[in-house]
PDB file of N, CA and C in Angstrom:
ATOM      1  N   MET A   1     -13.166  -9.821  48.388  1.00  0.00           N
ATOM      2  CA  MET A   1     -11.918  -9.782  49.126  1.00  0.00           C
ATOM      3  C   MET A   1     -11.458  -8.325  49.212  1.00  0.00           C
ATOM      4  N   GLU A   2     -10.953  -7.975  50.346  1.00  0.00           N
ATOM      5  CA  GLU A   2     -10.512  -6.603  50.549  1.00  0.00           C
ATOM      6  C   GLU A   2      -9.275  -6.297  49.709  1.00  0.00           C
ATOM      7  N   PRO A   3      -9.209  -5.097  49.137  1.00  0.00           N
ATOM      8  CA  PRO A   3      -8.029  -4.723  48.346  1.00  0.00           C
ATOM      9  C   PRO A   3      -6.735  -4.825  49.139  1.00  0.00           C
ATOM     10  N   SER A   4      -6.778  -4.529  50.452  1.00  0.00           N
ATOM     11  CA  SER A   4      -5.555  -4.584  51.250  1.00  0.00           C
ATOM     12  C   SER A   4      -4.985  -5.998  51.288  1.00  0.00           C
ATOM     13  N   PHE A   5      -5.848  -7.006  51.247  1.00  0.00           N
ATOM     14  CA  PHE A   5      -5.381  -8.389  51.228  1.00  0.00           C
ATOM     15  C   PHE A   5      -4.591  -8.652  49.950  1.00  0.00           C
ATOM     16  N   ASP A   6      -5.066  -8.116  48.848  1.00  0.00           N
ATOM     17  CA  ASP A   6      -4.379  -8.292  47.571  1.00  0.00           C
ATOM     18  C   ASP A   6      -3.013  -7.608  47.548  1.00  0.00           C
ATOM     19  N   LEU A   7      -2.814  -6.617  48.393  1.00  0.00           N
ATOM     20  CA  LEU A   7      -1.543  -5.904  48.438  1.00  0.00           C
ATOM     21  C   LEU A   7      -0.520  -6.582  49.342  1.00  0.00           C
ATOM     22  N   MET A   8      -0.966  -7.560  50.119  1.00  0.00           N
ATOM     23  CA  MET A   8      -0.056  -8.265  51.026  1.00  0.00           C
ATOM     24  C   MET A   8       0.876  -9.177  50.240  1.00  0.00           C
ATOM     25  N   THR A   9       2.039  -9.408  50.812  1.00  0.00           N
ATOM     26  CA  THR A   9       2.944 -10.397  50.220  1.00  0.00           C
ATOM     27  C   THR A   9       2.373 -11.786  50.493  1.00  0.00           C
ATOM     28  N   THR A  10       2.896 -12.771  49.816  1.00  0.00           N
ATOM     29  CA  THR A  10       2.445 -14.141  50.046  1.00  0.00           C
ATOM     30  C   THR A  10       2.666 -14.546  51.497  1.00  0.00           C
ATOM     31  N   ALA A  11       3.810 -14.206  52.043  1.00  0.00           N
ATOM     32  CA  ALA A  11       4.104 -14.546  53.439  1.00  0.00           C
ATOM     33  C   ALA A  11       3.103 -13.882  54.384  1.00  0.00           C
ATOM     34  N   GLU A  12       2.760 -12.627  54.125  1.00  0.00           N
ATOM     35  CA  GLU A  12       1.788 -11.923  54.965  1.00  0.00           C
ATOM     36  C   GLU A  12       0.407 -12.556  54.862  1.00  0.00           C
ATOM     37  N   ARG A  13       0.016 -12.958  53.661  1.00  0.00           N
ATOM     38  CA  ARG A  13      -1.289 -13.607  53.484  1.00  0.00           C
ATOM     39  C   ARG A  13      -1.342 -14.942  54.204  1.00  0.00           C
ATOM     40  N   ILE A  14      -0.241 -15.694  54.159  1.00  0.00           N
ATOM     41  CA  ILE A  14      -0.190 -16.981  54.868  1.00  0.00           C
ATOM     42  C   ILE A  14      -0.345 -16.752  56.365  1.00  0.00           C
ATOM     43  N   LEU A  15       0.370 -15.786  56.912  1.00  0.00           N
ATOM     44  CA  LEU A  15       0.251 -15.477  58.341  1.00  0.00           C
ATOM     45  C   LEU A  15      -1.167 -15.039  58.696  1.00  0.00           C
ATOM     46  N   TYR A  16      -1.774 -14.249  57.831  1.00  0.00           N
ATOM     47  CA  TYR A  16      -3.142 -13.780  58.049  1.00  0.00           C
ATOM     48  C   TYR A  16      -4.107 -14.960  58.103  1.00  0.00           C
ATOM     49  N   VAL A  17      -3.984 -15.861  57.150  1.00  0.00           N
ATOM     50  CA  VAL A  17      -4.873 -17.023  57.098  1.00  0.00           C
ATOM     51  C   VAL A  17      -4.631 -17.948  58.290  1.00  0.00           C
ATOM     52  N   GLN A  18      -3.377 -18.115  58.681  1.00  0.00           N
ATOM     53  CA  GLN A  18      -3.081 -18.944  59.852  1.00  0.00           C
ATOM     54  C   GLN A  18      -3.718 -18.350  61.103  1.00  0.00           C
ATOM     55  N   ASP A  19      -3.625 -17.041  61.256  1.00  0.00           N
ATOM     56  CA  ASP A  19      -4.235 -16.379  62.405  1.00  0.00           C
ATOM     57  C   ASP A  19      -5.750 -16.538  62.367  1.00  0.00           C
ATOM     58  N   LEU A  20      -6.323 -16.370  61.201  1.00  0.00           N
ATOM     59  CA  LEU A  20      -7.766 -16.540  61.043  1.00  0.00           C
ATOM     60  C   LEU A  20      -8.179 -17.960  61.407  1.00  0.00           C
ATOM     61  N   TRP A  21      -7.441 -18.952  60.914  1.00  0.00           N
ATOM     62  CA  TRP A  21      -7.756 -20.345  61.224  1.00  0.00           C
ATOM     63  C   TRP A  21      -7.647 -20.614  62.722  1.00  0.00           C
ATOM     64  N   ASP A  22      -6.630 -20.051  63.371  1.00  0.00           N
ATOM     65  CA  ASP A  22      -6.474 -20.238  64.814  1.00  0.00           C
ATOM     66  C   ASP A  22      -7.689 -19.720  65.578  1.00  0.00           C
ATOM     67  N   ARG A  23      -8.337 -18.707  65.051  1.00  0.00           N
ATOM     68  CA  ARG A  23      -9.528 -18.155  65.697  1.00  0.00           C
ATOM     69  C   ARG A  23     -10.767 -19.002  65.407  1.00  0.00           C
ATOM     70  N   ILE A  24     -10.824 -19.624  64.243  1.00  0.00           N
ATOM     71  CA  ILE A  24     -11.990 -20.407  63.833  1.00  0.00           C
ATOM     72  C   ILE A  24     -11.926 -21.842  64.341  1.00  0.00           C
ATOM     73  N   ALA A  25     -10.752 -22.416  64.413  1.00  0.00           N
ATOM     74  CA  ALA A  25     -10.578 -23.840  64.717  1.00  0.00           C
ATOM     75  C   ALA A  25     -11.310 -24.308  65.972  1.00  0.00           C
ATOM     76  N   PRO A  26     -11.231 -23.595  67.091  1.00  0.00           N
ATOM     77  CA  PRO A  26     -11.937 -24.090  68.282  1.00  0.00           C
ATOM     78  C   PRO A  26     -13.445 -24.226  68.061  1.00  0.00           C
ATOM     79  N   GLU A  27     -14.021 -23.311  67.306  1.00  0.00           N
ATOM     80  CA  GLU A  27     -15.449 -23.378  67.013  1.00  0.00           C
ATOM     81  C   GLU A  27     -15.744 -24.484  66.004  1.00  0.00           C
ATOM     82  N   ALA A  28     -14.868 -24.657  65.041  1.00  0.00           N
ATOM     83  CA  ALA A  28     -15.076 -25.665  64.001  1.00  0.00           C
ATOM     84  C   ALA A  28     -15.082 -27.064  64.589  1.00  0.00           C
ATOM     85  N   GLU A  29     -14.283 -27.289  65.625  1.00  0.00           N
ATOM     86  CA  GLU A  29     -14.228 -28.603  66.253  1.00  0.00           C
ATOM     87  C   GLU A  29     -15.544 -28.958  66.921  1.00  0.00           C
ATOM     88  N   GLN A  30     -16.323 -27.958  67.296  1.00  0.00           N
ATOM     89  CA  GLN A  30     -17.597 -28.193  67.958  1.00  0.00           C
ATOM     90  C   GLN A  30     -18.752 -28.318  66.974  1.00  0.00           C
ATOM     91  N   ALA A  31     -18.534 -27.941  65.732  1.00  0.00           N
ATOM     92  CA  ALA A  31     -19.594 -27.992  64.729  1.00  0.00           C
ATOM     93  C   ALA A  31     -19.862 -29.440  64.334  1.00  0.00           C
ATOM     94  N   PRO A  32     -21.129 -29.826  64.271  1.00  0.00           N
ATOM     95  CA  PRO A  32     -21.437 -31.201  63.877  1.00  0.00           C
ATOM     96  C   PRO A  32     -21.148 -31.417  62.388  1.00  0.00           C
ATOM     97  N   LEU A  33     -20.860 -32.664  62.048  1.00  0.00           N
ATOM     98  CA  LEU A  33     -20.657 -33.003  60.642  1.00  0.00           C
ATOM     99  C   LEU A  33     -21.983 -32.909  59.903  1.00  0.00           C
ATOM    100  N   THR A  34     -21.905 -32.540  58.646  1.00  0.00           N
ATOM    101  CA  THR A  34     -23.106 -32.593  57.815  1.00  0.00           C
ATOM    102  C   THR A  34     -23.345 -34.045  57.431  1.00  0.00           C
ATOM    103  N   ALA A  35     -24.527 -34.343  56.937  1.00  0.00           N
ATOM    104  CA  ALA A  35     -24.834 -35.704  56.496  1.00  0.00           C
ATOM    105  C   ALA A  35     -23.881 -36.119  55.377  1.00  0.00           C
ATOM    106  N   ALA A  36     -23.555 -35.187  54.492  1.00  0.00           N
ATOM    107  CA  ALA A  36     -22.645 -35.494  53.381  1.00  0.00           C
ATOM    108  C   ALA A  36     -21.241 -35.802  53.891  1.00  0.00           C
ATOM    109  N   GLN A  37     -20.774 -35.048  54.881  1.00  0.00           N
ATOM    110  CA  GLN A  37     -19.443 -35.299  55.441  1.00  0.00           C
ATOM    111  C   GLN A  37     -19.395 -36.655  56.141  1.00  0.00           C
ATOM    112  N   ALA A  38     -20.426 -36.971  56.914  1.00  0.00           N
ATOM    113  CA  ALA A  38     -20.477 -38.261  57.607  1.00  0.00           C
ATOM    114  C   ALA A  38     -20.518 -39.407  56.605  1.00  0.00           C
ATOM    115  N   ALA A  39     -21.286 -39.240  55.535  1.00  0.00           N
ATOM    116  CA  ALA A  39     -21.373 -40.273  54.503  1.00  0.00           C
ATOM    117  C   ALA A  39     -20.022 -40.468  53.820  1.00  0.00           C
ATOM    118  N   GLU A  40     -19.305 -39.382  53.572  1.00  0.00           N
ATOM    119  CA  GLU A  40     -17.989 -39.484  52.929  1.00  0.00           C
ATOM    120  C   GLU A  40     -16.995 -40.193  53.839  1.00  0.00           C
ATOM    121  N   ILE A  41     -17.022 -39.892  55.120  1.00  0.00           N
ATOM    122  CA  ILE A  41     -16.138 -40.588  56.064  1.00  0.00           C
ATOM    123  C   ILE A  41     -16.465 -42.071  56.077  1.00  0.00           C
ATOM    124  N   ASP A  42     -17.746 -42.398  56.142  1.00  0.00           N
ATOM    125  CA  ASP A  42     -18.152 -43.809  56.130  1.00  0.00           C
ATOM    126  C   ASP A  42     -17.680 -44.503  54.857  1.00  0.00           C
ATOM    127  N   ARG A  43     -17.825 -43.824  53.716  1.00  0.00           N
ATOM    128  CA  ARG A  43     -17.410 -44.408  52.440  1.00  0.00           C
ATOM    129  C   ARG A  43     -15.913 -44.680  52.444  1.00  0.00           C
ATOM    130  N   ARG A  44     -15.137 -43.730  52.938  1.00  0.00           N
ATOM    131  CA  ARG A  44     -13.678 -43.894  52.960  1.00  0.00           C
ATOM    132  C   ARG A  44     -13.244 -45.003  53.906  1.00  0.00           C
ATOM    133  N   VAL A  45     -13.894 -45.105  55.059  1.00  0.00           N
ATOM    134  CA  VAL A  45     -13.567 -46.184  55.999  1.00  0.00           C
ATOM    135  C   VAL A  45     -13.889 -47.531  55.367  1.00  0.00           C
ATOM    136  N   GLU A  46     -15.066 -47.645  54.769  1.00  0.00           N
ATOM    137  CA  GLU A  46     -15.446 -48.899  54.112  1.00  0.00           C
ATOM    138  C   GLU A  46     -14.449 -49.260  53.014  1.00  0.00           C
ATOM    139  N   ASP A  47     -14.049 -48.273  52.227  1.00  0.00           N
ATOM    140  CA  ASP A  47     -13.096 -48.520  51.145  1.00  0.00           C
ATOM    141  C   ASP A  47     -11.745 -48.971  51.692  1.00  0.00           C
ATOM    142  N   SER A  48     -11.289 -48.335  52.766  1.00  0.00           N
ATOM    143  CA  SER A  48      -9.986 -48.721  53.324  1.00  0.00           C
ATOM    144  C   SER A  48     -10.030 -50.115  53.933  1.00  0.00           C
ATOM    145  N   LEU A  49     -11.166 -50.497  54.504  1.00  0.00           N
ATOM    146  CA  LEU A  49     -11.296 -51.845  55.060  1.00  0.00           C
ATOM    147  C   LEU A  49     -11.405 -52.895  53.957  1.00  0.00           C
ATOM    148  N   ALA A  50     -12.071 -52.533  52.863  1.00  0.00           N
ATOM    149  CA  ALA A  50     -12.242 -53.465  51.748  1.00  0.00           C
ATOM    150  C   ALA A  50     -10.964 -53.624  50.932  1.00  0.00           C
ATOM    151  N   HIS A  51     -10.121 -52.596  50.926  1.00  0.00           N
ATOM    152  CA  HIS A  51      -8.900 -52.607  50.107  1.00  0.00           C
ATOM    153  C   HIS A  51      -7.701 -52.121  50.926  1.00  0.00           C
ATOM    154  N   PRO A  52      -7.284 -52.881  51.929  1.00  0.00           N
ATOM    155  CA  PRO A  52      -6.163 -52.422  52.771  1.00  0.00           C
ATOM    156  C   PRO A  52      -4.858 -52.250  52.001  1.00  0.00           C
ATOM    157  N   GLU A  53      -4.731 -52.922  50.875  1.00  0.00           N
ATOM    158  CA  GLU A  53      -3.503 -52.801  50.083  1.00  0.00           C
ATOM    159  C   GLU A  53      -3.336 -51.400  49.490  1.00  0.00           C
ATOM    160  N   ARG A  54      -4.408 -50.630  49.433  1.00  0.00           N
ATOM    161  CA  ARG A  54      -4.339 -49.259  48.918  1.00  0.00           C
ATOM    162  C   ARG A  54      -3.882 -48.262  49.986  1.00  0.00           C
ATOM    163  N   SER A  55      -3.899 -48.681  51.225  1.00  0.00           N
ATOM    164  CA  SER A  55      -3.552 -47.783  52.332  1.00  0.00           C
ATOM    165  C   SER A  55      -2.046 -47.585  52.428  1.00  0.00           C
ATOM    166  N   VAL A  56      -1.677 -46.432  52.934  1.00  0.00           N
ATOM    167  CA  VAL A  56      -0.273 -46.102  53.158  1.00  0.00           C
ATOM    168  C   VAL A  56      -0.124 -45.803  54.647  1.00  0.00           C
ATOM    169  N   PRO A  57       0.828 -46.417  55.323  1.00  0.00           N
ATOM    170  CA  PRO A  57       1.024 -46.114  56.740  1.00  0.00           C
ATOM    171  C   PRO A  57       1.309 -44.625  56.950  1.00  0.00           C
ATOM    172  N   TRP A  58       0.852 -44.099  58.083  1.00  0.00           N
ATOM    173  CA  TRP A  58       1.023 -42.680  58.380  1.00  0.00           C
ATOM    174  C   TRP A  58       2.474 -42.247  58.281  1.00  0.00           C
ATOM    175  N   GLU A  59       3.379 -43.046  58.781  1.00  0.00           N
ATOM    176  CA  GLU A  59       4.793 -42.673  58.757  1.00  0.00           C
ATOM    177  C   GLU A  59       5.282 -42.466  57.324  1.00  0.00           C
ATOM    178  N   VAL A  60       4.832 -43.322  56.410  1.00  0.00           N
ATOM    179  CA  VAL A  60       5.225 -43.215  55.000  1.00  0.00           C
ATOM    180  C   VAL A  60       4.599 -41.968  54.379  1.00  0.00           C
ATOM    181  N   ALA A  61       3.313 -41.758  54.625  1.00  0.00           N
ATOM    182  CA  ALA A  61       2.627 -40.589  54.069  1.00  0.00           C
ATOM    183  C   ALA A  61       3.260 -39.298  54.576  1.00  0.00           C
ATOM    184  N   ARG A  62       3.566 -39.252  55.875  1.00  0.00           N
ATOM    185  CA  ARG A  62       4.185 -38.059  56.461  1.00  0.00           C
ATOM    186  C   ARG A  62       5.538 -37.783  55.813  1.00  0.00           C
ATOM    187  N   GLU A  63       6.339 -38.821  55.630  1.00  0.00           N
ATOM    188  CA  GLU A  63       7.658 -38.645  55.017  1.00  0.00           C
ATOM    189  C   GLU A  63       7.531 -38.164  53.574  1.00  0.00           C
ATOM    190  N   GLN A  64       6.564 -38.695  52.843  1.00  0.00           N
ATOM    191  CA  GLN A  64       6.349 -38.256  51.461  1.00  0.00           C
ATOM    192  C   GLN A  64       5.974 -36.777  51.416  1.00  0.00           C
ATOM    193  N   MET A  65       5.125 -36.351  52.344  1.00  0.00           N
ATOM    194  CA  MET A  65       4.731 -34.938  52.387  1.00  0.00           C
ATOM    195  C   MET A  65       5.911 -34.050  52.754  1.00  0.00           C
ATOM    196  N   ARG A  66       6.716 -34.491  53.694  1.00  0.00           N
ATOM    197  CA  ARG A  66       7.880 -33.693  54.106  1.00  0.00           C
ATOM    198  C   ARG A  66       8.873 -33.520  52.963  1.00  0.00           C
ATOM    199  N   ARG A  67       9.018 -34.530  52.137  1.00  0.00           N
ATOM    200  CA  ARG A  67       9.951 -34.429  51.007  1.00  0.00           C
ATOM    201  C   ARG A  67       9.465 -33.433  49.964  1.00  0.00           C
ATOM    202  N   ARG A  68       8.165 -33.220  49.897  1.00  0.00           N
ATOM    203  CA  ARG A  68       7.607 -32.284  48.916  1.00  0.00           C
ATOM    204  C   ARG A  68       7.817 -30.832  49.313  1.00  0.00           C
ATOM    205  N   VAL A  69       7.994 -30.591  50.594  1.00  0.00           N
ATOM    206  CA  VAL A  69       8.087 -29.208  51.092  1.00  0.00           C
ATOM    207  C   VAL A  69       9.507 -28.706  51.017  1.00  0.00           C
TER     208      VAL A  69
END
């Protein structure tokens, strides 16, 4: 990691990472999933279908996250 990054404030580092992500995201969306990633998605879908009582509706999850911030 560059020394200049270590000298940045937390807010500056967050902005830097957000800008970096904005540049990477369009390319990342086009990248194919690895076999491990696809297997993990399949496992999670199977688990959620087998145990729907463990699921939390998006609205509830979103509200819980907002309260943490």
